[in-house]
Amino acid sequence: MDAWYRTHWTFRWKGEPFDAAGTVDGRIKGVYTGGSWGFVAHTLQLIPEKGPDGVHTQYTVQAGLKNATDLEQHRTDLLPKQ
């Protein structure tokens, strides 16, 4: 095997950071990753959703692609270094 890696994408919407979580009806869905979630969730009217653990709440947005800035791919190499 020559390559084995994991990728994830991040972007900014209205200046705030999000992890990309897929697309919905041609819009990018993101999970808010900033430190001011209480203030930002209220101000930007983010959507509360249960997190993957089914217990904690995460805040999401479905943004038009033209409004998402700084889209960036993050790649983690999973092969051991030789």
N, C-alpha and C. Protein backbone atom coordinates (compact mmCIF):
# COMPACT_ATOMS: atom_id res chain seq x y z
N MET A 1 0.85 -1.17 0.00
CA MET A 1 0.00 0.00 0.00
C MET A 1 0.90 1.23 0.00
N ASP A 2 0.63 2.12 -0.93
CA ASP A 2 1.44 3.32 -1.07
C ASP A 2 0.93 4.50 -0.26
N ALA A 3 -0.39 4.55 -0.06
CA ALA A 3 -0.95 5.69 0.66
C ALA A 3 -2.21 5.26 1.42
N TRP A 4 -2.34 5.80 2.60
CA TRP A 4 -3.53 5.57 3.41
C TRP A 4 -3.67 6.81 4.28
N TYR A 5 -4.76 7.52 4.11
CA TYR A 5 -4.91 8.76 4.83
C TYR A 5 -6.39 9.08 5.07
N ARG A 6 -6.60 10.00 5.97
CA ARG A 6 -7.94 10.50 6.29
C ARG A 6 -7.95 11.98 5.97
N THR A 7 -9.05 12.45 5.41
CA THR A 7 -9.17 13.88 5.13
C THR A 7 -10.43 14.43 5.78
N HIS A 8 -10.38 15.67 6.12
CA HIS A 8 -11.58 16.41 6.52
C HIS A 8 -11.41 17.84 6.04
N TRP A 9 -12.52 18.52 5.93
CA TRP A 9 -12.54 19.89 5.38
C TRP A 9 -13.04 20.86 6.43
N THR A 10 -12.50 22.07 6.39
CA THR A 10 -12.98 23.14 7.25
C THR A 10 -13.29 24.36 6.37
N PHE A 11 -14.12 25.25 6.91
CA PHE A 11 -14.44 26.48 6.21
C PHE A 11 -14.86 27.53 7.21
N ARG A 12 -14.99 28.75 6.73
CA ARG A 12 -15.51 29.84 7.56
C ARG A 12 -16.81 30.33 6.95
N TRP A 13 -17.74 30.67 7.81
CA TRP A 13 -19.01 31.25 7.40
C TRP A 13 -19.25 32.43 8.32
N LYS A 14 -19.43 33.61 7.74
CA LYS A 14 -19.59 34.85 8.51
C LYS A 14 -18.43 35.03 9.49
N GLY A 15 -17.24 34.59 9.06
CA GLY A 15 -16.03 34.75 9.86
C GLY A 15 -15.82 33.71 10.94
N GLU A 16 -16.75 32.79 11.11
CA GLU A 16 -16.66 31.79 12.17
C GLU A 16 -16.23 30.43 11.60
N PRO A 17 -15.49 29.60 12.40
CA PRO A 17 -14.96 28.33 11.90
C PRO A 17 -15.96 27.16 12.00
N PHE A 18 -15.94 26.33 10.97
CA PHE A 18 -16.81 25.15 10.92
C PHE A 18 -16.05 23.96 10.34
N ASP A 19 -16.38 22.76 10.79
CA ASP A 19 -15.95 21.52 10.14
C ASP A 19 -17.02 21.15 9.14
N ALA A 20 -16.63 20.85 7.92
CA ALA A 20 -17.60 20.44 6.91
C ALA A 20 -18.15 19.06 7.28
N ALA A 21 -19.47 18.91 7.16
CA ALA A 21 -20.12 17.65 7.53
C ALA A 21 -20.95 17.10 6.37
N GLY A 22 -20.67 17.56 5.16
CA GLY A 22 -21.40 17.07 4.00
C GLY A 22 -22.13 18.18 3.29
N THR A 23 -23.06 17.77 2.43
CA THR A 23 -23.87 18.74 1.70
C THR A 23 -25.34 18.41 1.87
N VAL A 24 -26.17 19.44 1.80
CA VAL A 24 -27.62 19.30 1.89
C VAL A 24 -28.22 20.22 0.84
N ASP A 25 -28.92 19.65 -0.12
CA ASP A 25 -29.58 20.44 -1.16
C ASP A 25 -28.66 21.47 -1.81
N GLY A 26 -27.43 21.06 -2.13
CA GLY A 26 -26.50 21.96 -2.80
C GLY A 26 -25.82 22.97 -1.89
N ARG A 27 -26.03 22.83 -0.59
CA ARG A 27 -25.40 23.73 0.39
C ARG A 27 -24.42 22.92 1.22
N ILE A 28 -23.39 23.59 1.74
CA ILE A 28 -22.43 22.91 2.59
C ILE A 28 -22.95 22.93 4.04
N LYS A 29 -22.90 21.78 4.68
CA LYS A 29 -23.32 21.69 6.09
C LYS A 29 -22.06 21.70 6.93
N GLY A 30 -22.07 22.50 8.00
CA GLY A 30 -20.91 22.59 8.86
C GLY A 30 -21.27 22.57 10.33
N VAL A 31 -20.36 22.02 11.12
CA VAL A 31 -20.49 21.98 12.57
C VAL A 31 -19.58 23.06 13.15
N TYR A 32 -20.15 23.95 13.96
CA TYR A 32 -19.39 25.07 14.53
C TYR A 32 -18.28 24.54 15.43
N THR A 33 -17.07 25.08 15.25
CA THR A 33 -15.92 24.62 16.04
C THR A 33 -15.26 25.74 16.84
N GLY A 34 -15.85 26.92 16.84
CA GLY A 34 -15.26 28.04 17.56
C GLY A 34 -15.51 27.95 19.06
N GLY A 35 -14.88 28.83 19.79
CA GLY A 35 -14.97 28.80 21.24
C GLY A 35 -16.13 29.57 21.84
N SER A 36 -16.84 30.36 21.04
CA SER A 36 -17.94 31.18 21.56
C SER A 36 -19.29 30.61 21.16
N TRP A 37 -19.45 29.30 21.28
CA TRP A 37 -20.64 28.65 20.72
C TRP A 37 -21.94 29.21 21.25
N GLY A 38 -22.06 29.55 22.52
CA GLY A 38 -23.31 30.06 23.06
C GLY A 38 -23.72 31.38 22.42
N PHE A 39 -22.79 32.30 22.34
CA PHE A 39 -23.04 33.60 21.73
C PHE A 39 -23.27 33.47 20.24
N VAL A 40 -22.39 32.75 19.56
CA VAL A 40 -22.47 32.61 18.10
C VAL A 40 -23.72 31.83 17.69
N ALA A 41 -24.04 30.77 18.43
CA ALA A 41 -25.23 29.97 18.08
C ALA A 41 -26.48 30.83 18.10
N HIS A 42 -26.59 31.69 19.08
CA HIS A 42 -27.75 32.58 19.19
C HIS A 42 -27.70 33.67 18.11
N THR A 43 -26.57 34.34 17.99
CA THR A 43 -26.43 35.46 17.06
C THR A 43 -26.62 35.03 15.61
N LEU A 44 -26.01 33.92 15.22
CA LEU A 44 -26.08 33.47 13.83
C LEU A 44 -27.24 32.51 13.57
N GLN A 45 -28.02 32.24 14.61
CA GLN A 45 -29.17 31.34 14.51
C GLN A 45 -28.77 29.98 13.96
N LEU A 46 -27.74 29.39 14.58
CA LEU A 46 -27.30 28.06 14.19
C LEU A 46 -28.33 27.03 14.65
N ILE A 47 -28.31 25.87 14.01
CA ILE A 47 -29.28 24.82 14.28
C ILE A 47 -28.71 23.85 15.32
N PRO A 48 -29.36 23.68 16.47
CA PRO A 48 -28.86 22.70 17.45
C PRO A 48 -29.21 21.28 16.99
N GLU A 49 -28.25 20.38 17.11
CA GLU A 49 -28.45 18.97 16.76
C GLU A 49 -27.73 18.11 17.78
N LYS A 50 -28.20 16.90 17.97
CA LYS A 50 -27.48 15.95 18.82
C LYS A 50 -26.18 15.58 18.13
N GLY A 51 -25.10 15.50 18.90
CA GLY A 51 -23.81 15.11 18.36
C GLY A 51 -23.77 13.61 18.09
N PRO A 52 -22.67 13.14 17.53
CA PRO A 52 -22.55 11.72 17.20
C PRO A 52 -22.72 10.80 18.41
N ASP A 53 -22.42 11.30 19.61
CA ASP A 53 -22.58 10.47 20.80
C ASP A 53 -24.03 10.38 21.27
N GLY A 54 -24.92 11.15 20.65
CA GLY A 54 -26.33 11.12 21.01
C GLY A 54 -26.67 11.87 22.28
N VAL A 55 -25.68 12.47 22.91
CA VAL A 55 -25.89 13.14 24.19
C VAL A 55 -25.63 14.65 24.09
N HIS A 56 -24.49 15.02 23.56
CA HIS A 56 -24.09 16.42 23.51
C HIS A 56 -24.70 17.11 22.29
N THR A 57 -24.90 18.40 22.43
CA THR A 57 -25.45 19.21 21.35
C THR A 57 -24.33 19.84 20.55
N GLN A 58 -24.48 19.82 19.24
CA GLN A 58 -23.57 20.56 18.36
C GLN A 58 -24.41 21.54 17.56
N TYR A 59 -23.78 22.59 17.09
CA TYR A 59 -24.51 23.62 16.36
C TYR A 59 -24.06 23.63 14.90
N THR A 60 -25.01 23.62 13.99
CA THR A 60 -24.70 23.48 12.58
C THR A 60 -25.29 24.62 11.75
N VAL A 61 -24.78 24.73 10.54
CA VAL A 61 -25.28 25.69 9.57
C VAL A 61 -25.33 24.98 8.22
N GLN A 62 -26.26 25.38 7.39
CA GLN A 62 -26.28 24.95 6.00
C GLN A 62 -26.09 26.21 5.17
N ALA A 63 -24.87 26.40 4.68
CA ALA A 63 -24.50 27.64 4.02
C ALA A 63 -24.38 27.45 2.52
N GLY A 64 -24.77 28.47 1.78
CA GLY A 64 -24.53 28.47 0.35
C GLY A 64 -23.03 28.47 0.08
N LEU A 65 -22.61 27.76 -0.95
CA LEU A 65 -21.17 27.66 -1.23
C LEU A 65 -20.52 29.01 -1.47
N LYS A 66 -21.25 29.97 -2.01
CA LYS A 66 -20.65 31.28 -2.25
C LYS A 66 -20.41 32.04 -0.94
N ASN A 67 -21.06 31.61 0.14
CA ASN A 67 -20.88 32.26 1.44
C ASN A 67 -19.85 31.57 2.32
N ALA A 68 -19.41 30.39 1.92
CA ALA A 68 -18.38 29.66 2.67
C ALA A 68 -17.02 30.12 2.16
N THR A 69 -16.17 30.56 3.07
CA THR A 69 -14.83 31.03 2.68
C THR A 69 -13.77 30.14 3.31
N ASP A 70 -12.56 30.30 2.85
CA ASP A 70 -11.40 29.59 3.41
C ASP A 70 -11.59 28.08 3.47
N LEU A 71 -12.24 27.52 2.46
CA LEU A 71 -12.42 26.07 2.40
C LEU A 71 -11.05 25.42 2.31
N GLU A 72 -10.76 24.52 3.25
CA GLU A 72 -9.43 23.94 3.33
C GLU A 72 -9.51 22.45 3.64
N GLN A 73 -8.71 21.67 2.91
CA GLN A 73 -8.63 20.23 3.15
C GLN A 73 -7.50 19.95 4.14
N HIS A 74 -7.77 19.09 5.12
CA HIS A 74 -6.77 18.66 6.10
C HIS A 74 -6.58 17.15 5.90
N ARG A 75 -5.34 16.75 5.70
CA ARG A 75 -5.04 15.36 5.40
C ARG A 75 -4.14 14.80 6.48
N THR A 76 -4.53 13.64 7.04
CA THR A 76 -3.74 12.96 8.05
C THR A 76 -3.23 11.65 7.47
N ASP A 77 -1.92 11.48 7.42
CA ASP A 77 -1.31 10.26 6.91
C ASP A 77 -1.49 9.16 7.96
N LEU A 78 -2.03 8.02 7.56
CA LEU A 78 -2.26 6.91 8.49
C LEU A 78 -1.25 5.78 8.34
N LEU A 79 -0.36 5.88 7.37
CA LEU A 79 0.69 4.87 7.24
C LEU A 79 1.82 5.16 8.22
N PRO A 80 2.35 4.12 8.85
CA PRO A 80 3.46 4.36 9.76
C PRO A 80 4.70 4.85 8.99
N LYS A 81 5.44 5.72 9.61
CA LYS A 81 6.68 6.23 9.01
C LYS A 81 7.72 5.11 8.97
N GLN A 82 8.43 5.05 7.87
CA GLN A 82 9.46 4.00 7.75
C GLN A 82 10.84 4.58 7.78
